[in-house]
Amino acid sequence: QVQLVESGGGLVQPGGSLRLSCVASGFTFSRNAASWYRQAPGKERELVAAIGTDGRSTNYADAVKGRFTISRDNAKSTVYLQMNKLSPEDTAVYYCGAIGSWGRGTQVTVSS
């Protein structure tokens, strides 16, 4: 069955960086777009970044443009989210999405 497993979250100070990973299985990853979403407490889930099948087409939420980078390695069935210059407003559970499925999420907390 389809599985998406996120990792790489944690506690980081403002201005710091984290790299999230999501390993996909159960479908042909290389033929599907992938995305990262996040959900902060009391807020709706929102799109953070998305990437096309070849990795060249990307788009980002305005709030993260210039700070976050989405990438993928089709050979490893993995999508990444490099997050730099993190701020407390980035605190949320981050979810990987593809073909209508979601992972369980990884918590990112930005706090001093």
PDB file of N, CA and C in Angstrom:
ATOM      1  N   GLN A   1       0.831  -1.186   0.000  1.00  0.00           N
ATOM      2  CA  GLN A   1       0.000   0.000   0.000  1.00  0.00           C
ATOM      3  C   GLN A   1       0.877   1.251   0.000  1.00  0.00           C
ATOM      4  N   VAL A   2       0.241   2.397  -0.295  1.00  0.00           N
ATOM      5  CA  VAL A   2       0.969   3.660  -0.337  1.00  0.00           C
ATOM      6  C   VAL A   2       1.432   4.033   1.078  1.00  0.00           C
ATOM      7  N   GLN A   3       2.702   4.361   1.174  1.00  0.00           N
ATOM      8  CA  GLN A   3       3.252   4.844   2.443  1.00  0.00           C
ATOM      9  C   GLN A   3       4.132   6.052   2.193  1.00  0.00           C
ATOM     10  N   LEU A   4       3.991   7.034   3.043  1.00  0.00           N
ATOM     11  CA  LEU A   4       4.839   8.220   3.037  1.00  0.00           C
ATOM     12  C   LEU A   4       5.319   8.419   4.467  1.00  0.00           C
ATOM     13  N   VAL A   5       6.621   8.396   4.649  1.00  0.00           N
ATOM     14  CA  VAL A   5       7.179   8.463   5.995  1.00  0.00           C
ATOM     15  C   VAL A   5       8.112   9.657   6.098  1.00  0.00           C
ATOM     16  N   GLU A   6       7.698  10.622   6.908  1.00  0.00           N
ATOM     17  CA  GLU A   6       8.485  11.830   7.099  1.00  0.00           C
ATOM     18  C   GLU A   6       9.480  11.660   8.242  1.00  0.00           C
ATOM     19  N   SER A   7      10.563  12.418   8.157  1.00  0.00           N
ATOM     20  CA  SER A   7      11.536  12.463   9.240  1.00  0.00           C
ATOM     21  C   SER A   7      12.284  13.781   9.164  1.00  0.00           C
ATOM     22  N   GLY A   8      13.039  14.080  10.228  1.00  0.00           N
ATOM     23  CA  GLY A   8      13.892  15.257  10.216  1.00  0.00           C
ATOM     24  C   GLY A   8      13.389  16.432  11.029  1.00  0.00           C
ATOM     25  N   GLY A   9      12.194  16.326  11.580  1.00  0.00           N
ATOM     26  CA  GLY A   9      11.693  17.414  12.407  1.00  0.00           C
ATOM     27  C   GLY A   9      12.429  17.486  13.728  1.00  0.00           C
ATOM     28  N   GLY A  10      12.109  18.535  14.488  1.00  0.00           N
ATOM     29  CA  GLY A  10      12.727  18.687  15.794  1.00  0.00           C
ATOM     30  C   GLY A  10      12.590  20.102  16.304  1.00  0.00           C
ATOM     31  N   LEU A  11      13.352  20.382  17.349  1.00  0.00           N
ATOM     32  CA  LEU A  11      13.372  21.713  17.966  1.00  0.00           C
ATOM     33  C   LEU A  11      14.591  22.470  17.452  1.00  0.00           C
ATOM     34  N   VAL A  12      14.381  23.674  16.994  1.00  0.00           N
ATOM     35  CA  VAL A  12      15.477  24.486  16.468  1.00  0.00           C
ATOM     36  C   VAL A  12      15.267  25.930  16.908  1.00  0.00           C
ATOM     37  N   GLN A  13      16.353  26.638  17.078  1.00  0.00           N
ATOM     38  CA  GLN A  13      16.273  28.037  17.472  1.00  0.00           C
ATOM     39  C   GLN A  13      15.921  28.918  16.271  1.00  0.00           C
ATOM     40  N   PRO A  14      15.328  30.067  16.510  1.00  0.00           N
ATOM     41  CA  PRO A  14      15.060  30.993  15.408  1.00  0.00           C
ATOM     42  C   PRO A  14      16.329  31.302  14.627  1.00  0.00           C
ATOM     43  N   GLY A  15      16.182  31.319  13.303  1.00  0.00           N
ATOM     44  CA  GLY A  15      17.327  31.523  12.444  1.00  0.00           C
ATOM     45  C   GLY A  15      18.028  30.248  12.028  1.00  0.00           C
ATOM     46  N   GLY A  16      17.648  29.153  12.633  1.00  0.00           N
ATOM     47  CA  GLY A  16      18.285  27.873  12.343  1.00  0.00           C
ATOM     48  C   GLY A  16      17.720  27.192  11.103  1.00  0.00           C
ATOM     49  N   SER A  17      18.215  25.984  10.870  1.00  0.00           N
ATOM     50  CA  SER A  17      17.830  25.219   9.680  1.00  0.00           C
ATOM     51  C   SER A  17      17.462  23.793  10.052  1.00  0.00           C
ATOM     52  N   LEU A  18      16.617  23.210   9.237  1.00  0.00           N
ATOM     53  CA  LEU A  18      16.286  21.799   9.329  1.00  0.00           C
ATOM     54  C   LEU A  18      16.072  21.268   7.918  1.00  0.00           C
ATOM     55  N   ARG A  19      16.310  19.968   7.760  1.00  0.00           N
ATOM     56  CA  ARG A  19      16.025  19.317   6.483  1.00  0.00           C
ATOM     57  C   ARG A  19      15.073  18.160   6.731  1.00  0.00           C
ATOM     58  N   LEU A  20      13.908  18.256   6.148  1.00  0.00           N
ATOM     59  CA  LEU A  20      12.930  17.189   6.251  1.00  0.00           C
ATOM     60  C   LEU A  20      13.077  16.225   5.082  1.00  0.00           C
ATOM     61  N   SER A  21      12.800  14.961   5.348  1.00  0.00           N
ATOM     62  CA  SER A  21      12.815  13.933   4.312  1.00  0.00           C
ATOM     63  C   SER A  21      11.500  13.172   4.342  1.00  0.00           C
ATOM     64  N   CYS A  22      11.103  12.668   3.192  1.00  0.00           N
ATOM     65  CA  CYS A  22       9.899  11.848   3.107  1.00  0.00           C
ATOM     66  C   CYS A  22      10.183  10.720   2.131  1.00  0.00           C
ATOM     67  N   VAL A  23      10.147   9.499   2.637  1.00  0.00           N
ATOM     68  CA  VAL A  23      10.380   8.330   1.802  1.00  0.00           C
ATOM     69  C   VAL A  23       9.034   7.737   1.396  1.00  0.00           C
ATOM     70  N   ALA A  24       8.869   7.542   0.107  1.00  0.00           N
ATOM     71  CA  ALA A  24       7.614   7.037  -0.442  1.00  0.00           C
ATOM     72  C   ALA A  24       7.761   5.579  -0.865  1.00  0.00           C
ATOM     73  N   SER A  25       6.674   4.845  -0.751  1.00  0.00           N
ATOM     74  CA  SER A  25       6.657   3.461  -1.215  1.00  0.00           C
ATOM     75  C   SER A  25       5.230   3.079  -1.583  1.00  0.00           C
ATOM     76  N   GLY A  26       5.100   1.998  -2.348  1.00  0.00           N
ATOM     77  CA  GLY A  26       3.776   1.509  -2.710  1.00  0.00           C
ATOM     78  C   GLY A  26       3.208   2.095  -3.986  1.00  0.00           C
ATOM     79  N   PHE A  27       3.956   2.972  -4.646  1.00  0.00           N
ATOM     80  CA  PHE A  27       3.535   3.534  -5.920  1.00  0.00           C
ATOM     81  C   PHE A  27       4.779   4.002  -6.671  1.00  0.00           C
ATOM     82  N   THR A  28       4.595   4.365  -7.933  1.00  0.00           N
ATOM     83  CA  THR A  28       5.733   4.807  -8.738  1.00  0.00           C
ATOM     84  C   THR A  28       6.006   6.267  -8.449  1.00  0.00           C
ATOM     85  N   PHE A  29       6.892   6.493  -7.527  1.00  0.00           N
ATOM     86  CA  PHE A  29       7.172   7.848  -7.043  1.00  0.00           C
ATOM     87  C   PHE A  29       7.594   8.779  -8.171  1.00  0.00           C
ATOM     88  N   SER A  30       8.432   8.285  -9.070  1.00  0.00           N
ATOM     89  CA  SER A  30       9.006   9.141 -10.111  1.00  0.00           C
ATOM     90  C   SER A  30       7.952   9.678 -11.075  1.00  0.00           C
ATOM     91  N   ARG A  31       6.784   9.110 -11.096  1.00  0.00           N
ATOM     92  CA  ARG A  31       5.731   9.530 -12.010  1.00  0.00           C
ATOM     93  C   ARG A  31       4.702  10.436 -11.361  1.00  0.00           C
ATOM     94  N   ASN A  32       4.971  10.854 -10.153  1.00  0.00           N
ATOM     95  CA  ASN A  32       3.993  11.659  -9.426  1.00  0.00           C
ATOM     96  C   ASN A  32       4.617  12.894  -8.805  1.00  0.00           C
ATOM     97  N   ALA A  33       3.869  13.989  -8.852  1.00  0.00           N
ATOM     98  CA  ALA A  33       4.290  15.178  -8.129  1.00  0.00           C
ATOM     99  C   ALA A  33       4.237  14.902  -6.636  1.00  0.00           C
ATOM    100  N   ALA A  34       4.950  15.714  -5.881  1.00  0.00           N
ATOM    101  CA  ALA A  34       4.966  15.571  -4.429  1.00  0.00           C
ATOM    102  C   ALA A  34       4.920  16.953  -3.799  1.00  0.00           C
ATOM    103  N   SER A  35       4.538  16.985  -2.561  1.00  0.00           N
ATOM    104  CA  SER A  35       4.386  18.279  -1.896  1.00  0.00           C
ATOM    105  C   SER A  35       4.628  18.165  -0.401  1.00  0.00           C
ATOM    106  N   TRP A  36       4.847  19.302   0.185  1.00  0.00           N
ATOM    107  CA  TRP A  36       4.917  19.437   1.639  1.00  0.00           C
ATOM    108  C   TRP A  36       3.820  20.401   2.075  1.00  0.00           C
ATOM    109  N   TYR A  37       3.101  20.010   3.110  1.00  0.00           N
ATOM    110  CA  TYR A  37       2.100  20.850   3.735  1.00  0.00           C
ATOM    111  C   TYR A  37       2.481  21.010   5.204  1.00  0.00           C
ATOM    112  N   ARG A  38       1.851  21.942   5.858  1.00  0.00           N
ATOM    113  CA  ARG A  38       2.048  22.072   7.293  1.00  0.00           C
ATOM    114  C   ARG A  38       0.748  22.502   7.955  1.00  0.00           C
ATOM    115  N   GLN A  39       0.645  22.157   9.219  1.00  0.00           N
ATOM    116  CA  GLN A  39      -0.530  22.543   9.993  1.00  0.00           C
ATOM    117  C   GLN A  39      -0.077  22.984  11.373  1.00  0.00           C
ATOM    118  N   ALA A  40      -0.324  24.250  11.664  1.00  0.00           N
ATOM    119  CA  ALA A  40      -0.008  24.799  12.972  1.00  0.00           C
ATOM    120  C   ALA A  40      -1.224  24.635  13.890  1.00  0.00           C
ATOM    121  N   PRO A  41      -1.010  24.652  15.190  1.00  0.00           N
ATOM    122  CA  PRO A  41      -2.127  24.500  16.132  1.00  0.00           C
ATOM    123  C   PRO A  41      -3.221  25.525  15.870  1.00  0.00           C
ATOM    124  N   GLY A  42      -4.452  25.048  15.751  1.00  0.00           N
ATOM    125  CA  GLY A  42      -5.588  25.943  15.553  1.00  0.00           C
ATOM    126  C   GLY A  42      -5.740  26.477  14.147  1.00  0.00           C
ATOM    127  N   LYS A  43      -4.904  26.011  13.226  1.00  0.00           N
ATOM    128  CA  LYS A  43      -4.974  26.509  11.853  1.00  0.00           C
ATOM    129  C   LYS A  43      -5.215  25.359  10.887  1.00  0.00           C
ATOM    130  N   GLU A  44      -5.653  25.719   9.675  1.00  0.00           N
ATOM    131  CA  GLU A  44      -5.869  24.714   8.657  1.00  0.00           C
ATOM    132  C   GLU A  44      -4.536  24.293   8.030  1.00  0.00           C
ATOM    133  N   ARG A  45      -4.545  23.094   7.468  1.00  0.00           N
ATOM    134  CA  ARG A  45      -3.357  22.631   6.758  1.00  0.00           C
ATOM    135  C   ARG A  45      -3.141  23.517   5.528  1.00  0.00           C
ATOM    136  N   GLU A  46      -1.887  23.883   5.281  1.00  0.00           N
ATOM    137  CA  GLU A  46      -1.576  24.757   4.158  1.00  0.00           C
ATOM    138  C   GLU A  46      -0.420  24.199   3.339  1.00  0.00           C
ATOM    139  N   LEU A  47      -0.466  24.489   2.049  1.00  0.00           N
ATOM    140  CA  LEU A  47       0.613  24.066   1.165  1.00  0.00           C
ATOM    141  C   LEU A  47       1.864  24.883   1.451  1.00  0.00           C
ATOM    142  N   VAL A  48       2.975  24.203   1.590  1.00  0.00           N
ATOM    143  CA  VAL A  48       4.272  24.861   1.774  1.00  0.00           C
ATOM    144  C   VAL A  48       5.039  24.894   0.456  1.00  0.00           C
ATOM    145  N   ALA A  49       5.141  23.734  -0.189  1.00  0.00           N
ATOM    146  CA  ALA A  49       5.905  23.653  -1.431  1.00  0.00           C
ATOM    147  C   ALA A  49       5.484  22.410  -2.199  1.00  0.00           C
ATOM    148  N   ALA A  50       5.640  22.480  -3.509  1.00  0.00           N
ATOM    149  CA  ALA A  50       5.313  21.340  -4.363  1.00  0.00           C
ATOM    150  C   ALA A  50       6.384  21.207  -5.439  1.00  0.00           C
ATOM    151  N   ILE A  51       6.525  19.986  -5.945  1.00  0.00           N
ATOM    152  CA  ILE A  51       7.561  19.728  -6.934  1.00  0.00           C
ATOM    153  C   ILE A  51       7.031  18.752  -7.975  1.00  0.00           C
ATOM    154  N   GLY A  52       7.370  19.004  -9.229  1.00  0.00           N
ATOM    155  CA  GLY A  52       6.951  18.137 -10.315  1.00  0.00           C
ATOM    156  C   GLY A  52       7.795  16.878 -10.392  1.00  0.00           C
ATOM    157  N   THR A  53       7.438  16.026 -11.349  1.00  0.00           N
ATOM    158  CA  THR A  53       8.058  14.713 -11.408  1.00  0.00           C
ATOM    159  C   THR A  53       9.557  14.760 -11.688  1.00  0.00           C
ATOM    160  N   ASP A  54       9.994  15.739 -12.486  1.00  0.00           N
ATOM    161  CA  ASP A  54      11.415  15.788 -12.828  1.00  0.00           C
ATOM    162  C   ASP A  54      12.220  16.680 -11.898  1.00  0.00           C
ATOM    163  N   GLY A  55      11.543  17.287 -10.954  1.00  0.00           N
ATOM    164  CA  GLY A  55      12.247  18.123  -9.993  1.00  0.00           C
ATOM    165  C   GLY A  55      12.509  19.535 -10.442  1.00  0.00           C
ATOM    166  N   ARG A  56      12.169  19.861 -11.655  1.00  0.00           N
ATOM    167  CA  ARG A  56      12.470  21.199 -12.185  1.00  0.00           C
ATOM    168  C   ARG A  56      11.352  22.194 -11.899  1.00  0.00           C
ATOM    169  N   SER A  57      10.140  21.708 -11.850  1.00  0.00           N
ATOM    170  CA  SER A  57       9.000  22.578 -11.605  1.00  0.00           C
ATOM    171  C   SER A  57       8.686  22.600 -10.118  1.00  0.00           C
ATOM    172  N   THR A  58       8.777  23.780  -9.517  1.00  0.00           N
ATOM    173  CA  THR A  58       8.502  23.905  -8.090  1.00  0.00           C
ATOM    174  C   THR A  58       7.638  25.133  -7.844  1.00  0.00           C
ATOM    175  N   ASN A  59       6.908  25.107  -6.755  1.00  0.00           N
ATOM    176  CA  ASN A  59       6.240  26.321  -6.316  1.00  0.00           C
ATOM    177  C   ASN A  59       6.176  26.343  -4.807  1.00  0.00           C
ATOM    178  N   TYR A  60       6.085  27.549  -4.277  1.00  0.00           N
ATOM    179  CA  TYR A  60       6.203  27.765  -2.837  1.00  0.00           C
ATOM    180  C   TYR A  60       5.127  28.724  -2.336  1.00  0.00           C
ATOM    181  N   ALA A  61       4.744  28.525  -1.099  1.00  0.00           N
ATOM    182  CA  ALA A  61       3.908  29.509  -0.432  1.00  0.00           C
ATOM    183  C   ALA A  61       4.707  30.793  -0.253  1.00  0.00           C
ATOM    184  N   ASP A  62       4.030  31.920  -0.337  1.00  0.00           N
ATOM    185  CA  ASP A  62       4.729  33.202  -0.195  1.00  0.00           C
ATOM    186  C   ASP A  62       5.507  33.290   1.114  1.00  0.00           C
ATOM    187  N   ALA A  63       4.971  32.678   2.155  1.00  0.00           N
ATOM    188  CA  ALA A  63       5.590  32.793   3.478  1.00  0.00           C
ATOM    189  C   ALA A  63       6.959  32.122   3.560  1.00  0.00           C
ATOM    190  N   VAL A  64       7.247  31.216   2.623  1.00  0.00           N
ATOM    191  CA  VAL A  64       8.508  30.469   2.715  1.00  0.00           C
ATOM    192  C   VAL A  64       9.441  30.712   1.539  1.00  0.00           C
ATOM    193  N   LYS A  65       8.994  31.489   0.556  1.00  0.00           N
ATOM    194  CA  LYS A  65       9.835  31.747  -0.617  1.00  0.00           C
ATOM    195  C   LYS A  65      11.159  32.374  -0.209  1.00  0.00           C
ATOM    196  N   GLY A  66      12.234  31.847  -0.768  1.00  0.00           N
ATOM    197  CA  GLY A  66      13.559  32.353  -0.454  1.00  0.00           C
ATOM    198  C   GLY A  66      14.187  31.740   0.784  1.00  0.00           C
ATOM    199  N   ARG A  67      13.401  30.985   1.553  1.00  0.00           N
ATOM    200  CA  ARG A  67      13.929  30.335   2.766  1.00  0.00           C
ATOM    201  C   ARG A  67      13.880  28.815   2.681  1.00  0.00           C
ATOM    202  N   PHE A  68      12.872  28.294   2.022  1.00  0.00           N
ATOM    203  CA  PHE A  68      12.697  26.843   1.916  1.00  0.00           C
ATOM    204  C   PHE A  68      12.992  26.396   0.487  1.00  0.00           C
ATOM    205  N   THR A  69      13.506  25.175   0.370  1.00  0.00           N
ATOM    206  CA  THR A  69      13.764  24.576  -0.943  1.00  0.00           C
ATOM    207  C   THR A  69      13.269  23.141  -0.952  1.00  0.00           C
ATOM    208  N   ILE A  70      12.418  22.831  -1.911  1.00  0.00           N
ATOM    209  CA  ILE A  70      11.948  21.464  -2.080  1.00  0.00           C
ATOM    210  C   ILE A  70      12.767  20.800  -3.176  1.00  0.00           C
ATOM    211  N   SER A  71      13.085  19.530  -2.973  1.00  0.00           N
ATOM    212  CA  SER A  71      13.831  18.776  -3.971  1.00  0.00           C
ATOM    213  C   SER A  71      13.425  17.311  -3.877  1.00  0.00           C
ATOM    214  N   ARG A  72      13.870  16.522  -4.838  1.00  0.00           N
ATOM    215  CA  ARG A  72      13.520  15.109  -4.831  1.00  0.00           C
ATOM    216  C   ARG A  72      14.634  14.288  -5.418  1.00  0.00           C
ATOM    217  N   ASP A  73      14.693  13.037  -4.989  1.00  0.00           N
ATOM    218  CA  ASP A  73      15.622  12.056  -5.536  1.00  0.00           C
ATOM    219  C   ASP A  73      14.771  10.856  -5.933  1.00  0.00           C
ATOM    220  N   ASN A  74      14.465  10.768  -7.209  1.00  0.00           N
ATOM    221  CA  ASN A  74      13.579   9.690  -7.670  1.00  0.00           C
ATOM    222  C   ASN A  74      14.197   8.310  -7.485  1.00  0.00           C
ATOM    223  N   ALA A  75      15.509   8.227  -7.543  1.00  0.00           N
ATOM    224  CA  ALA A  75      16.175   6.941  -7.332  1.00  0.00           C
ATOM    225  C   ALA A  75      15.963   6.426  -5.908  1.00  0.00           C
ATOM    226  N   LYS A  76      15.770   7.359  -4.975  1.00  0.00           N
ATOM    227  CA  LYS A  76      15.550   6.986  -3.579  1.00  0.00           C
ATOM    228  C   LYS A  76      14.092   7.128  -3.162  1.00  0.00           C
ATOM    229  N   SER A  77      13.229   7.495  -4.109  1.00  0.00           N
ATOM    230  CA  SER A  77      11.810   7.710  -3.810  1.00  0.00           C
ATOM    231  C   SER A  77      11.643   8.643  -2.610  1.00  0.00           C
ATOM    232  N   THR A  78      12.386   9.716  -2.630  1.00  0.00           N
ATOM    233  CA  THR A  78      12.431  10.621  -1.480  1.00  0.00           C
ATOM    234  C   THR A  78      12.246  12.066  -1.923  1.00  0.00           C
ATOM    235  N   VAL A  79      11.467  12.790  -1.164  1.00  0.00           N
ATOM    236  CA  VAL A  79      11.327  14.230  -1.357  1.00  0.00           C
ATOM    237  C   VAL A  79      11.836  14.927  -0.102  1.00  0.00           C
ATOM    238  N   TYR A  80      12.502  16.046  -0.303  1.00  0.00           N
ATOM    239  CA  TYR A  80      13.136  16.774   0.791  1.00  0.00           C
ATOM    240  C   TYR A  80      12.556  18.182   0.910  1.00  0.00           C
ATOM    241  N   LEU A  81      12.706  18.731   2.095  1.00  0.00           N
ATOM    242  CA  LEU A  81      12.390  20.140   2.300  1.00  0.00           C
ATOM    243  C   LEU A  81      13.496  20.743   3.158  1.00  0.00           C
ATOM    244  N   GLN A  82      14.328  21.538   2.524  1.00  0.00           N
ATOM    245  CA  GLN A  82      15.378  22.266   3.240  1.00  0.00           C
ATOM    246  C   GLN A  82      14.784  23.570   3.741  1.00  0.00           C
ATOM    247  N   MET A  83      14.850  23.777   5.039  1.00  0.00           N
ATOM    248  CA  MET A  83      14.244  24.944   5.657  1.00  0.00           C
ATOM    249  C   MET A  83      15.336  25.768   6.340  1.00  0.00           C
ATOM    250  N   ASN A  84      15.504  26.988   5.891  1.00  0.00           N
ATOM    251  CA  ASN A  84      16.509  27.892   6.450  1.00  0.00           C
ATOM    252  C   ASN A  84      15.829  29.111   7.053  1.00  0.00           C
ATOM    253  N   LYS A  85      16.581  29.816   7.873  1.00  0.00           N
ATOM    254  CA  LYS A  85      16.086  31.048   8.493  1.00  0.00           C
ATOM    255  C   LYS A  85      14.722  30.816   9.138  1.00  0.00           C
ATOM    256  N   LEU A  86      14.615  29.772   9.908  1.00  0.00           N
ATOM    257  CA  LEU A  86      13.344  29.413  10.528  1.00  0.00           C
ATOM    258  C   LEU A  86      12.934  30.438  11.572  1.00  0.00           C
ATOM    259  N   SER A  87      11.632  30.643  11.662  1.00  0.00           N
ATOM    260  CA  SER A  87      11.075  31.555  12.654  1.00  0.00           C
ATOM    261  C   SER A  87       9.979  30.824  13.433  1.00  0.00           C
ATOM    262  N   PRO A  88       9.589  31.357  14.576  1.00  0.00           N
ATOM    263  CA  PRO A  88       8.528  30.697  15.360  1.00  0.00           C
ATOM    264  C   PRO A  88       7.244  30.477  14.566  1.00  0.00           C
ATOM    265  N   GLU A  89       7.005  31.320  13.569  1.00  0.00           N
ATOM    266  CA  GLU A  89       5.806  31.163  12.742  1.00  0.00           C
ATOM    267  C   GLU A  89       5.857  29.909  11.878  1.00  0.00           C
ATOM    268  N   ASP A  90       7.005  29.309  11.759  1.00  0.00           N
ATOM    269  CA  ASP A  90       7.137  28.062  11.005  1.00  0.00           C
ATOM    270  C   ASP A  90       6.822  26.833  11.848  1.00  0.00           C
ATOM    271  N   THR A  91       6.573  27.015  13.111  1.00  0.00           N
ATOM    272  CA  THR A  91       6.236  25.897  13.982  1.00  0.00           C
ATOM    273  C   THR A  91       4.943  25.236  13.533  1.00  0.00           C
ATOM    274  N   ALA A  92       5.007  23.944  13.287  1.00  0.00           N
ATOM    275  CA  ALA A  92       3.850  23.213  12.763  1.00  0.00           C
ATOM    276  C   ALA A  92       4.216  21.742  12.631  1.00  0.00           C
ATOM    277  N   VAL A  93       3.216  20.934  12.357  1.00  0.00           N
ATOM    278  CA  VAL A  93       3.463  19.567  11.908  1.00  0.00           C
ATOM    279  C   VAL A  93       3.550  19.618  10.383  1.00  0.00           C
ATOM    280  N   TYR A  94       4.614  19.057   9.855  1.00  0.00           N
ATOM    281  CA  TYR A  94       4.850  19.073   8.413  1.00  0.00           C
ATOM    282  C   TYR A  94       4.520  17.700   7.838  1.00  0.00           C
ATOM    283  N   TYR A  95       3.725  17.721   6.772  1.00  0.00           N
ATOM    284  CA  TYR A  95       3.254  16.501   6.134  1.00  0.00           C
ATOM    285  C   TYR A  95       3.738  16.422   4.693  1.00  0.00           C
ATOM    286  N   CYS A  96       4.075  15.228   4.298  1.00  0.00           N
ATOM    287  CA  CYS A  96       4.414  14.932   2.918  1.00  0.00           C
ATOM    288  C   CYS A  96       3.151  14.423   2.229  1.00  0.00           C
ATOM    289  N   GLY A  97       2.940  14.856   0.974  1.00  0.00           N
ATOM    290  CA  GLY A  97       1.761  14.426   0.242  1.00  0.00           C
ATOM    291  C   GLY A  97       2.096  14.001  -1.171  1.00  0.00           C
ATOM    292  N   ALA A  98       1.395  12.965  -1.631  1.00  0.00           N
ATOM    293  CA  ALA A  98       1.519  12.513  -3.020  1.00  0.00           C
ATOM    294  C   ALA A  98       0.341  11.612  -3.335  1.00  0.00           C
ATOM    295  N   ILE A  99      -0.135  11.659  -4.555  1.00  0.00           N
ATOM    296  CA  ILE A  99      -1.289  10.892  -5.064  1.00  0.00           C
ATOM    297  C   ILE A  99      -2.425  10.824  -4.058  1.00  0.00           C
ATOM    298  N   GLY A 100      -2.723  11.932  -3.428  1.00  0.00           N
ATOM    299  CA  GLY A 100      -3.854  11.993  -2.525  1.00  0.00           C
ATOM    300  C   GLY A 100      -3.634  11.355  -1.178  1.00  0.00           C
ATOM    301  N   SER A 101      -2.422  10.938  -0.898  1.00  0.00           N
ATOM    302  CA  SER A 101      -2.118  10.320   0.395  1.00  0.00           C
ATOM    303  C   SER A 101      -1.202  11.225   1.209  1.00  0.00           C
ATOM    304  N   TRP A 102      -1.185  10.957   2.515  1.00  0.00           N
ATOM    305  CA  TRP A 102      -0.381  11.766   3.432  1.00  0.00           C
ATOM    306  C   TRP A 102       0.427  10.867   4.347  1.00  0.00           C
ATOM    307  N   GLY A 103       1.550  11.413   4.788  1.00  0.00           N
ATOM    308  CA  GLY A 103       2.261  10.749   5.851  1.00  0.00           C
ATOM    309  C   GLY A 103       1.660  11.135   7.199  1.00  0.00           C
ATOM    310  N   ARG A 104       2.301  10.687   8.269  1.00  0.00           N
ATOM    311  CA  ARG A 104       1.809  10.991   9.616  1.00  0.00           C
ATOM    312  C   ARG A 104       2.337  12.325  10.110  1.00  0.00           C
ATOM    313  N   GLY A 105       3.314  12.876   9.421  1.00  0.00           N
ATOM    314  CA  GLY A 105       3.818  14.182   9.784  1.00  0.00           C
ATOM    315  C   GLY A 105       5.019  14.125  10.700  1.00  0.00           C
ATOM    316  N   THR A 106       5.748  15.225  10.719  1.00  0.00           N
ATOM    317  CA  THR A 106       6.888  15.389  11.606  1.00  0.00           C
ATOM    318  C   THR A 106       6.804  16.791  12.224  1.00  0.00           C
ATOM    319  N   GLN A 107       7.005  16.845  13.528  1.00  0.00           N
ATOM    320  CA  GLN A 107       6.845  18.118  14.238  1.00  0.00           C
ATOM    321  C   GLN A 107       8.090  18.988  14.080  1.00  0.00           C
ATOM    322  N   VAL A 108       7.862  20.236  13.729  1.00  0.00           N
ATOM    323  CA  VAL A 108       8.921  21.238  13.682  1.00  0.00           C
ATOM    324  C   VAL A 108       8.555  22.331  14.684  1.00  0.00           C
ATOM    325  N   THR A 109       9.442  22.558  15.625  1.00  0.00           N
ATOM    326  CA  THR A 109       9.227  23.597  16.632  1.00  0.00           C
ATOM    327  C   THR A 109      10.394  24.572  16.596  1.00  0.00           C
ATOM    328  N   VAL A 110      10.076  25.831  16.401  1.00  0.00           N
ATOM    329  CA  VAL A 110      11.095  26.873  16.350  1.00  0.00           C
ATOM    330  C   VAL A 110      10.919  27.756  17.579  1.00  0.00           C
ATOM    331  N   SER A 111      11.882  27.675  18.459  1.00  0.00           N
ATOM    332  CA  SER A 111      11.766  28.387  19.728  1.00  0.00           C
ATOM    333  C   SER A 111      13.133  28.577  20.347  1.00  0.00           C
ATOM    334  N   SER A 112      13.286  29.677  21.062  1.00  0.00           N
ATOM    335  CA  SER A 112      14.534  29.916  21.782  1.00  0.00           C
ATOM    336  C   SER A 112      14.413  29.411  23.214  1.00  0.00           C
TER     337      SER A 112
END
